[in-house]
PDB file of N, CA and C in Angstrom:
ATOM      1  N   MET A   1      -8.847   8.245   1.173  1.00  0.00           N
ATOM      2  CA  MET A   1      -7.819   8.023   0.185  1.00  0.00           C
ATOM      3  C   MET A   1      -7.269   6.605   0.359  1.00  0.00           C
ATOM      4  N   THR A   2      -7.143   5.909  -0.724  1.00  0.00           N
ATOM      5  CA  THR A   2      -6.572   4.562  -0.700  1.00  0.00           C
ATOM      6  C   THR A   2      -5.061   4.640  -0.931  1.00  0.00           C
ATOM      7  N   LYS A   3      -4.376   3.536  -0.713  1.00  0.00           N
ATOM      8  CA  LYS A   3      -2.929   3.507  -0.914  1.00  0.00           C
ATOM      9  C   LYS A   3      -2.594   3.796  -2.377  1.00  0.00           C
ATOM     10  N   SER A   4      -3.368   3.257  -3.299  1.00  0.00           N
ATOM     11  CA  SER A   4      -3.087   3.511  -4.723  1.00  0.00           C
ATOM     12  C   SER A   4      -3.319   4.978  -5.076  1.00  0.00           C
ATOM     13  N   GLU A   5      -4.307   5.625  -4.449  1.00  0.00           N
ATOM     14  CA  GLU A   5      -4.528   7.057  -4.680  1.00  0.00           C
ATOM     15  C   GLU A   5      -3.371   7.880  -4.113  1.00  0.00           C
ATOM     16  N   LEU A   6      -2.860   7.472  -2.962  1.00  0.00           N
ATOM     17  CA  LEU A   6      -1.708   8.138  -2.368  1.00  0.00           C
ATOM     18  C   LEU A   6      -0.500   8.027  -3.295  1.00  0.00           C
ATOM     19  N   ILE A   7      -0.259   6.833  -3.809  1.00  0.00           N
ATOM     20  CA  ILE A   7       0.864   6.611  -4.723  1.00  0.00           C
ATOM     21  C   ILE A   7       0.713   7.484  -5.962  1.00  0.00           C
ATOM     22  N   GLN A   8      -0.487   7.539  -6.519  1.00  0.00           N
ATOM     23  CA  GLN A   8      -0.748   8.338  -7.713  1.00  0.00           C
ATOM     24  C   GLN A   8      -0.499   9.821  -7.443  1.00  0.00           C
ATOM     25  N   ARG A   9      -0.989  10.305  -6.309  1.00  0.00           N
ATOM     26  CA  ARG A   9      -0.812  11.723  -5.973  1.00  0.00           C
ATOM     27  C   ARG A   9       0.662  12.066  -5.767  1.00  0.00           C
ATOM     28  N   LEU A  10       1.398  11.187  -5.080  1.00  0.00           N
ATOM     29  CA  LEU A  10       2.829  11.423  -4.886  1.00  0.00           C
ATOM     30  C   LEU A  10       3.579  11.406  -6.216  1.00  0.00           C
ATOM     31  N   ALA A  11       3.190  10.506  -7.100  1.00  0.00           N
ATOM     32  CA  ALA A  11       3.831  10.423  -8.414  1.00  0.00           C
ATOM     33  C   ALA A  11       3.570  11.693  -9.219  1.00  0.00           C
ATOM     34  N   GLU A  12       2.349  12.230  -9.128  1.00  0.00           N
ATOM     35  CA  GLU A  12       2.016  13.466  -9.846  1.00  0.00           C
ATOM     36  C   GLU A  12       2.806  14.653  -9.304  1.00  0.00           C
ATOM     37  N   LYS A  13       3.037  14.694  -7.995  1.00  0.00           N
ATOM     38  CA  LYS A  13       3.768  15.804  -7.388  1.00  0.00           C
ATOM     39  C   LYS A  13       5.281  15.669  -7.551  1.00  0.00           C
ATOM     40  N   ASN A  14       5.734  14.486  -7.955  1.00  0.00           N
ATOM     41  CA  ASN A  14       7.166  14.222  -8.152  1.00  0.00           C
ATOM     42  C   ASN A  14       7.395  13.589  -9.511  1.00  0.00           C
ATOM     43  N   PRO A  15       7.217  14.369 -10.591  1.00  0.00           N
ATOM     44  CA  PRO A  15       7.333  13.798 -11.941  1.00  0.00           C
ATOM     45  C   PRO A  15       8.723  13.273 -12.272  1.00  0.00           C
ATOM     46  N   HIS A  16       9.735  13.648 -11.475  1.00  0.00           N
ATOM     47  CA  HIS A  16      11.089  13.157 -11.716  1.00  0.00           C
ATOM     48  C   HIS A  16      11.273  11.716 -11.228  1.00  0.00           C
ATOM     49  N   LEU A  17      10.278  11.165 -10.505  1.00  0.00           N
ATOM     50  CA  LEU A  17      10.346   9.781 -10.018  1.00  0.00           C
ATOM     51  C   LEU A  17       9.461   8.874 -10.867  1.00  0.00           C
ATOM     52  N   TYR A  18       9.917   7.657 -11.084  1.00  0.00           N
ATOM     53  CA  TYR A  18       9.089   6.674 -11.769  1.00  0.00           C
ATOM     54  C   TYR A  18       7.992   6.192 -10.835  1.00  0.00           C
ATOM     55  N   LEU A  19       6.862   5.820 -11.395  1.00  0.00           N
ATOM     56  CA  LEU A  19       5.736   5.331 -10.603  1.00  0.00           C
ATOM     57  C   LEU A  19       6.152   4.120  -9.775  1.00  0.00           C
ATOM     58  N   ARG A  20       6.940   3.212 -10.355  1.00  0.00           N
ATOM     59  CA  ARG A  20       7.358   2.017  -9.622  1.00  0.00           C
ATOM     60  C   ARG A  20       8.229   2.385  -8.413  1.00  0.00           C
ATOM     61  N   ASP A  21       8.999   3.481  -8.521  1.00  0.00           N
ATOM     62  CA  ASP A  21       9.822   3.924  -7.401  1.00  0.00           C
ATOM     63  C   ASP A  21       8.952   4.507  -6.290  1.00  0.00           C
ATOM     64  N   VAL A  22       7.932   5.260  -6.665  1.00  0.00           N
ATOM     65  CA  VAL A  22       7.011   5.821  -5.685  1.00  0.00           C
ATOM     66  C   VAL A  22       6.276   4.677  -4.969  1.00  0.00           C
ATOM     67  N   GLU A  23       5.842   3.660  -5.714  1.00  0.00           N
ATOM     68  CA  GLU A  23       5.185   2.491  -5.111  1.00  0.00           C
ATOM     69  C   GLU A  23       6.108   1.830  -4.101  1.00  0.00           C
ATOM     70  N   LYS A  24       7.377   1.661  -4.458  1.00  0.00           N
ATOM     71  CA  LYS A  24       8.360   1.024  -3.572  1.00  0.00           C
ATOM     72  C   LYS A  24       8.561   1.852  -2.299  1.00  0.00           C
ATOM     73  N   ILE A  25       8.608   3.173  -2.437  1.00  0.00           N
ATOM     74  CA  ILE A  25       8.782   4.059  -1.277  1.00  0.00           C
ATOM     75  C   ILE A  25       7.603   3.918  -0.326  1.00  0.00           C
ATOM     76  N   VAL A  26       6.397   3.971  -0.864  1.00  0.00           N
ATOM     77  CA  VAL A  26       5.190   3.880  -0.027  1.00  0.00           C
ATOM     78  C   VAL A  26       5.103   2.505   0.636  1.00  0.00           C
ATOM     79  N   GLU A  27       5.353   1.440  -0.123  1.00  0.00           N
ATOM     80  CA  GLU A  27       5.327   0.083   0.431  1.00  0.00           C
ATOM     81  C   GLU A  27       6.356  -0.054   1.563  1.00  0.00           C
ATOM     82  N   THR A  28       7.549   0.479   1.351  1.00  0.00           N
ATOM     83  CA  THR A  28       8.605   0.404   2.356  1.00  0.00           C
ATOM     84  C   THR A  28       8.217   1.184   3.605  1.00  0.00           C
ATOM     85  N   PHE A  29       7.630   2.353   3.422  1.00  0.00           N
ATOM     86  CA  PHE A  29       7.197   3.188   4.540  1.00  0.00           C
ATOM     87  C   PHE A  29       6.218   2.434   5.436  1.00  0.00           C
ATOM     88  N   PHE A  30       5.176   1.864   4.833  1.00  0.00           N
ATOM     89  CA  PHE A  30       4.181   1.138   5.617  1.00  0.00           C
ATOM     90  C   PHE A  30       4.747  -0.151   6.207  1.00  0.00           C
ATOM     91  N   ALA A  31       5.614  -0.824   5.472  1.00  0.00           N
ATOM     92  CA  ALA A  31       6.231  -2.055   5.972  1.00  0.00           C
ATOM     93  C   ALA A  31       7.084  -1.763   7.199  1.00  0.00           C
ATOM     94  N   GLU A  32       7.820  -0.654   7.187  1.00  0.00           N
ATOM     95  CA  GLU A  32       8.676  -0.312   8.321  1.00  0.00           C
ATOM     96  C   GLU A  32       7.854   0.067   9.547  1.00  0.00           C
ATOM     97  N   ILE A  33       6.724   0.730   9.347  1.00  0.00           N
ATOM     98  CA  ILE A  33       5.831   1.011  10.483  1.00  0.00           C
ATOM     99  C   ILE A  33       5.331  -0.310  11.062  1.00  0.00           C
ATOM    100  N   GLY A  34       4.900  -1.221  10.197  1.00  0.00           N
ATOM    101  CA  GLY A  34       4.428  -2.530  10.649  1.00  0.00           C
ATOM    102  C   GLY A  34       5.511  -3.318  11.360  1.00  0.00           C
ATOM    103  N   ASN A  35       6.734  -3.292  10.836  1.00  0.00           N
ATOM    104  CA  ASN A  35       7.850  -4.003  11.461  1.00  0.00           C
ATOM    105  C   ASN A  35       8.153  -3.440  12.848  1.00  0.00           C
ATOM    106  N   ALA A  36       8.152  -2.119  12.965  1.00  0.00           N
ATOM    107  CA  ALA A  36       8.427  -1.485  14.255  1.00  0.00           C
ATOM    108  C   ALA A  36       7.352  -1.874  15.274  1.00  0.00           C
ATOM    109  N   LEU A  37       6.092  -1.861  14.868  1.00  0.00           N
ATOM    110  CA  LEU A  37       5.013  -2.230  15.779  1.00  0.00           C
ATOM    111  C   LEU A  37       5.125  -3.696  16.180  1.00  0.00           C
ATOM    112  N   ALA A  38       5.500  -4.559  15.233  1.00  0.00           N
ATOM    113  CA  ALA A  38       5.647  -5.987  15.533  1.00  0.00           C
ATOM    114  C   ALA A  38       6.753  -6.217  16.567  1.00  0.00           C
ATOM    115  N   ARG A  39       7.781  -5.350  16.563  1.00  0.00           N
ATOM    116  CA  ARG A  39       8.860  -5.446  17.553  1.00  0.00           C
ATOM    117  C   ARG A  39       8.454  -4.828  18.888  1.00  0.00           C
ATOM    118  N   GLY A  40       7.302  -4.169  18.907  1.00  0.00           N
ATOM    119  CA  GLY A  40       6.841  -3.521  20.132  1.00  0.00           C
ATOM    120  C   GLY A  40       7.298  -2.078  20.243  1.00  0.00           C
ATOM    121  N   ASP A  41       7.898  -1.563  19.168  1.00  0.00           N
ATOM    122  CA  ASP A  41       8.356  -0.173  19.168  1.00  0.00           C
ATOM    123  C   ASP A  41       7.190   0.782  18.914  1.00  0.00           C
ATOM    124  N   ARG A  42       7.456   2.035  19.173  1.00  0.00           N
ATOM    125  CA  ARG A  42       6.493   3.095  18.957  1.00  0.00           C
ATOM    126  C   ARG A  42       6.980   3.917  17.761  1.00  0.00           C
ATOM    127  N   VAL A  43       6.063   4.373  16.892  1.00  0.00           N
ATOM    128  CA  VAL A  43       6.435   5.164  15.727  1.00  0.00           C
ATOM    129  C   VAL A  43       5.780   6.535  15.859  1.00  0.00           C
ATOM    130  N   GLU A  44       6.609   7.575  15.928  1.00  0.00           N
ATOM    131  CA  GLU A  44       6.093   8.928  16.086  1.00  0.00           C
ATOM    132  C   GLU A  44       6.385   9.745  14.838  1.00  0.00           C
ATOM    133  N   LEU A  45       5.338  10.298  14.239  1.00  0.00           N
ATOM    134  CA  LEU A  45       5.480  11.185  13.093  1.00  0.00           C
ATOM    135  C   LEU A  45       5.020  12.563  13.560  1.00  0.00           C
ATOM    136  N   ARG A  46       5.967  13.428  13.876  1.00  0.00           N
ATOM    137  CA  ARG A  46       5.661  14.736  14.458  1.00  0.00           C
ATOM    138  C   ARG A  46       4.643  15.491  13.615  1.00  0.00           C
ATOM    139  N   GLY A  47       3.643  16.032  14.277  1.00  0.00           N
ATOM    140  CA  GLY A  47       2.603  16.799  13.608  1.00  0.00           C
ATOM    141  C   GLY A  47       1.505  15.935  13.018  1.00  0.00           C
ATOM    142  N   PHE A  48       1.723  14.628  12.951  1.00  0.00           N
ATOM    143  CA  PHE A  48       0.725  13.716  12.382  1.00  0.00           C
ATOM    144  C   PHE A  48       0.133  12.829  13.460  1.00  0.00           C
ATOM    145  N   GLY A  49       0.985  12.053  14.126  1.00  0.00           N
ATOM    146  CA  GLY A  49       0.487  11.177  15.179  1.00  0.00           C
ATOM    147  C   GLY A  49       1.486  10.112  15.565  1.00  0.00           C
ATOM    148  N   THR A  50       1.047   9.257  16.475  1.00  0.00           N
ATOM    149  CA  THR A  50       1.900   8.201  17.013  1.00  0.00           C
ATOM    150  C   THR A  50       1.213   6.848  16.893  1.00  0.00           C
ATOM    151  N   PHE A  51       1.943   5.880  16.354  1.00  0.00           N
ATOM    152  CA  PHE A  51       1.474   4.497  16.287  1.00  0.00           C
ATOM    153  C   PHE A  51       2.120   3.744  17.438  1.00  0.00           C
ATOM    154  N   SER A  52       1.335   2.962  18.152  1.00  0.00           N
ATOM    155  CA  SER A  52       1.880   2.149  19.228  1.00  0.00           C
ATOM    156  C   SER A  52       1.091   0.846  19.319  1.00  0.00           C
ATOM    157  N   VAL A  53       1.512  -0.014  20.239  1.00  0.00           N
ATOM    158  CA  VAL A  53       0.847  -1.301  20.426  1.00  0.00           C
ATOM    159  C   VAL A  53       0.235  -1.327  21.818  1.00  0.00           C
ATOM    160  N   LYS A  54      -1.022  -1.703  21.896  1.00  0.00           N
ATOM    161  CA  LYS A  54      -1.699  -1.856  23.189  1.00  0.00           C
ATOM    162  C   LYS A  54      -1.865  -3.345  23.456  1.00  0.00           C
ATOM    163  N   GLU A  55      -1.614  -3.734  24.684  1.00  0.00           N
ATOM    164  CA  GLU A  55      -1.751  -5.137  25.088  1.00  0.00           C
ATOM    165  C   GLU A  55      -3.126  -5.327  25.722  1.00  0.00           C
ATOM    166  N   ARG A  56      -3.821  -6.341  25.291  1.00  0.00           N
ATOM    167  CA  ARG A  56      -5.098  -6.699  25.916  1.00  0.00           C
ATOM    168  C   ARG A  56      -4.913  -8.012  26.656  1.00  0.00           C
ATOM    169  N   ASP A  57      -5.275  -8.040  27.923  1.00  0.00           N
ATOM    170  CA  ASP A  57      -5.153  -9.250  28.732  1.00  0.00           C
ATOM    171  C   ASP A  57      -6.189 -10.287  28.302  1.00  0.00           C
ATOM    172  N   ALA A  58      -5.899 -11.540  28.610  1.00  0.00           N
ATOM    173  CA  ALA A  58      -6.879 -12.608  28.383  1.00  0.00           C
ATOM    174  C   ALA A  58      -8.084 -12.336  29.284  1.00  0.00           C
ATOM    175  N   ARG A  59      -9.248 -12.719  28.827  1.00  0.00           N
ATOM    176  CA  ARG A  59     -10.449 -12.465  29.619  1.00  0.00           C
ATOM    177  C   ARG A  59     -11.515 -13.492  29.281  1.00  0.00           C
ATOM    178  N   THR A  60     -12.567 -13.480  30.064  1.00  0.00           N
ATOM    179  CA  THR A  60     -13.713 -14.329  29.789  1.00  0.00           C
ATOM    180  C   THR A  60     -14.787 -13.460  29.154  1.00  0.00           C
ATOM    181  N   GLY A  61     -15.203 -13.848  27.954  1.00  0.00           N
ATOM    182  CA  GLY A  61     -16.240 -13.112  27.240  1.00  0.00           C
ATOM    183  C   GLY A  61     -17.511 -13.932  27.176  1.00  0.00           C
ATOM    184  N   ARG A  62     -18.488 -13.397  26.489  1.00  0.00           N
ATOM    185  CA  ARG A  62     -19.764 -14.101  26.325  1.00  0.00           C
ATOM    186  C   ARG A  62     -20.119 -14.179  24.855  1.00  0.00           C
ATOM    187  N   ASN A  63     -20.611 -15.336  24.463  1.00  0.00           N
ATOM    188  CA  ASN A  63     -21.148 -15.496  23.118  1.00  0.00           C
ATOM    189  C   ASN A  63     -22.496 -14.760  23.108  1.00  0.00           C
ATOM    190  N   PRO A  64     -22.647 -13.727  22.269  1.00  0.00           N
ATOM    191  CA  PRO A  64     -23.882 -12.943  22.307  1.00  0.00           C
ATOM    192  C   PRO A  64     -25.121 -13.742  21.893  1.00  0.00           C
ATOM    193  N   ARG A  65     -24.928 -14.765  21.105  1.00  0.00           N
ATOM    194  CA  ARG A  65     -26.068 -15.560  20.631  1.00  0.00           C
ATOM    195  C   ARG A  65     -26.575 -16.523  21.701  1.00  0.00           C
ATOM    196  N   THR A  66     -25.618 -17.183  22.380  1.00  0.00           N
ATOM    197  CA  THR A  66     -26.019 -18.218  23.342  1.00  0.00           C
ATOM    198  C   THR A  66     -25.869 -17.782  24.799  1.00  0.00           C
ATOM    199  N   GLY A  67     -25.098 -16.719  25.041  1.00  0.00           N
ATOM    200  CA  GLY A  67     -24.849 -16.294  26.409  1.00  0.00           C
ATOM    201  C   GLY A  67     -23.797 -17.139  27.109  1.00  0.00           C
ATOM    202  N   GLU A  68     -23.235 -18.097  26.401  1.00  0.00           N
ATOM    203  CA  GLU A  68     -22.229 -19.010  26.945  1.00  0.00           C
ATOM    204  C   GLU A  68     -20.912 -18.278  27.185  1.00  0.00           C
ATOM    205  N   SER A  69     -20.208 -18.603  28.271  1.00  0.00           N
ATOM    206  CA  SER A  69     -18.892 -18.017  28.557  1.00  0.00           C
ATOM    207  C   SER A  69     -17.872 -18.555  27.568  1.00  0.00           C
ATOM    208  N   VAL A  70     -17.012 -17.661  27.093  1.00  0.00           N
ATOM    209  CA  VAL A  70     -15.989 -18.017  26.115  1.00  0.00           C
ATOM    210  C   VAL A  70     -14.669 -17.410  26.576  1.00  0.00           C
ATOM    211  N   SER A  71     -13.596 -18.182  26.460  1.00  0.00           N
ATOM    212  CA  SER A  71     -12.275 -17.692  26.814  1.00  0.00           C
ATOM    213  C   SER A  71     -11.716 -16.899  25.634  1.00  0.00           C
ATOM    214  N   VAL A  72     -11.296 -15.653  25.899  1.00  0.00           N
ATOM    215  CA  VAL A  72     -10.703 -14.800  24.873  1.00  0.00           C
ATOM    216  C   VAL A  72      -9.223 -14.645  25.208  1.00  0.00           C
ATOM    217  N   ALA A  73      -8.368 -15.006  24.271  1.00  0.00           N
ATOM    218  CA  ALA A  73      -6.914 -14.979  24.491  1.00  0.00           C
ATOM    219  C   ALA A  73      -6.388 -13.548  24.570  1.00  0.00           C
ATOM    220  N   ALA A  74      -5.233 -13.388  25.200  1.00  0.00           N
ATOM    221  CA  ALA A  74      -4.546 -12.096  25.233  1.00  0.00           C
ATOM    222  C   ALA A  74      -4.135 -11.746  23.805  1.00  0.00           C
ATOM    223  N   LYS A  75      -4.082 -10.450  23.514  1.00  0.00           N
ATOM    224  CA  LYS A  75      -3.672 -10.039  22.167  1.00  0.00           C
ATOM    225  C   LYS A  75      -3.054  -8.663  22.196  1.00  0.00           C
ATOM    226  N   ARG A  76      -2.336  -8.367  21.125  1.00  0.00           N
ATOM    227  CA  ARG A  76      -1.719  -7.057  20.934  1.00  0.00           C
ATOM    228  C   ARG A  76      -2.435  -6.386  19.770  1.00  0.00           C
ATOM    229  N   LEU A  77      -2.786  -5.104  19.962  1.00  0.00           N
ATOM    230  CA  LEU A  77      -3.521  -4.374  18.934  1.00  0.00           C
ATOM    231  C   LEU A  77      -2.800  -3.074  18.582  1.00  0.00           C
ATOM    232  N   PRO A  78      -2.815  -2.693  17.289  1.00  0.00           N
ATOM    233  CA  PRO A  78      -2.219  -1.411  16.918  1.00  0.00           C
ATOM    234  C   PRO A  78      -3.120  -0.277  17.398  1.00  0.00           C
ATOM    235  N   PHE A  79      -2.501   0.833  17.777  1.00  0.00           N
ATOM    236  CA  PHE A  79      -3.231   1.989  18.283  1.00  0.00           C
ATOM    237  C   PHE A  79      -2.623   3.227  17.650  1.00  0.00           C
ATOM    238  N   PHE A  80      -3.480   4.179  17.250  1.00  0.00           N
ATOM    239  CA  PHE A  80      -3.013   5.433  16.657  1.00  0.00           C
ATOM    240  C   PHE A  80      -3.575   6.601  17.436  1.00  0.00           C
ATOM    241  N   LYS A  81      -2.700   7.510  17.824  1.00  0.00           N
ATOM    242  CA  LYS A  81      -3.124   8.726  18.518  1.00  0.00           C
ATOM    243  C   LYS A  81      -2.711   9.910  17.657  1.00  0.00           C
ATOM    244  N   THR A  82      -3.679  10.753  17.302  1.00  0.00           N
ATOM    245  CA  THR A  82      -3.377  11.895  16.435  1.00  0.00           C
ATOM    246  C   THR A  82      -2.475  12.892  17.143  1.00  0.00           C
ATOM    247  N   GLY A  83      -1.643  13.538  16.354  1.00  0.00           N
ATOM    248  CA  GLY A  83      -0.777  14.584  16.871  1.00  0.00           C
ATOM    249  C   GLY A  83      -1.500  15.917  16.901  1.00  0.00           C
ATOM    250  N   LYS A  84      -0.946  16.864  17.629  1.00  0.00           N
ATOM    251  CA  LYS A  84      -1.564  18.169  17.783  1.00  0.00           C
ATOM    252  C   LYS A  84      -1.709  18.874  16.431  1.00  0.00           C
ATOM    253  N   GLY A  85      -0.691  18.800  15.597  1.00  0.00           N
ATOM    254  CA  GLY A  85      -0.743  19.456  14.287  1.00  0.00           C
ATOM    255  C   GLY A  85      -1.904  18.955  13.441  1.00  0.00           C
ATOM    256  N   LEU A  86      -2.127  17.645  13.428  1.00  0.00           N
ATOM    257  CA  LEU A  86      -3.225  17.065  12.653  1.00  0.00           C
ATOM    258  C   LEU A  86      -4.569  17.476  13.244  1.00  0.00           C
ATOM    259  N   ARG A  87      -4.692  17.427  14.567  1.00  0.00           N
ATOM    260  CA  ARG A  87      -5.948  17.850  15.214  1.00  0.00           C
ATOM    261  C   ARG A  87      -6.254  19.304  14.891  1.00  0.00           C
ATOM    262  N   ASP A  88      -5.223  20.157  14.949  1.00  0.00           N
ATOM    263  CA  ASP A  88      -5.418  21.572  14.647  1.00  0.00           C
ATOM    264  C   ASP A  88      -5.877  21.777  13.203  1.00  0.00           C
ATOM    265  N   ARG A  89      -5.273  21.046  12.273  1.00  0.00           N
ATOM    266  CA  ARG A  89      -5.679  21.166  10.859  1.00  0.00           C
ATOM    267  C   ARG A  89      -7.119  20.744  10.655  1.00  0.00           C
ATOM    268  N   LEU A  90      -7.524  19.673  11.305  1.00  0.00           N
ATOM    269  CA  LEU A  90      -8.900  19.195  11.167  1.00  0.00           C
ATOM    270  C   LEU A  90      -9.886  20.213  11.725  1.00  0.00           C
ATOM    271  N   ASN A  91      -9.554  20.815  12.846  1.00  0.00           N
ATOM    272  CA  ASN A  91     -10.443  21.787  13.454  1.00  0.00           C
ATOM    273  C   ASN A  91     -10.477  23.103  12.699  1.00  0.00           C
ATOM    274  N   GLU A  92      -9.370  23.495  12.068  1.00  0.00           N
ATOM    275  CA  GLU A  92      -9.348  24.691  11.236  1.00  0.00           C
ATOM    276  C   GLU A  92     -10.287  24.549  10.056  1.00  0.00           C
ATOM    277  N   GLU A  93     -10.274  23.365   9.427  1.00  0.00           N
ATOM    278  CA  GLU A  93     -11.110  23.129   8.251  1.00  0.00           C
ATOM    279  C   GLU A  93     -12.594  23.167   8.612  1.00  0.00           C
ATOM    280  N   GLU A  94     -12.944  22.678   9.812  1.00  0.00           N
ATOM    281  CA  GLU A  94     -14.343  22.691  10.230  1.00  0.00           C
ATOM    282  C   GLU A  94     -14.812  24.120  10.475  1.00  0.00           C
ATOM    283  N   GLU A  95     -13.941  24.970  11.035  1.00  0.00           N
ATOM    284  CA  GLU A  95     -14.315  26.335  11.348  1.00  0.00           C
ATOM    285  C   GLU A  95     -14.370  27.193  10.089  1.00  0.00           C
ATOM    286  N   GLY A  96     -13.520  26.873   9.109  1.00  0.00           N
ATOM    287  CA  GLY A  96     -13.410  27.720   7.909  1.00  0.00           C
ATOM    288  C   GLY A  96     -14.317  27.330   6.887  1.00  0.00           C
TER     289      GLY A  96
END
């Protein structure tokens, strides 16, 4: 599902809201998750999962084409861990 499909589905389930309002809600939701991660905070959505930031240390890598050593800078990466409720739903669907 794409973001536009999500917006469309939410708009269909909430006919009392204007499409532009649903778009604003979804945009704000994702922006706030991004802002929290940028601050180094953790975002937990019970039953769905947890977004967090993992730190990767600087390291020496290799260029696969030449085999030459390359310095790779430290970086922060977003990480998502599924919640128990979501895992259970996925496994129920596979069994059923």
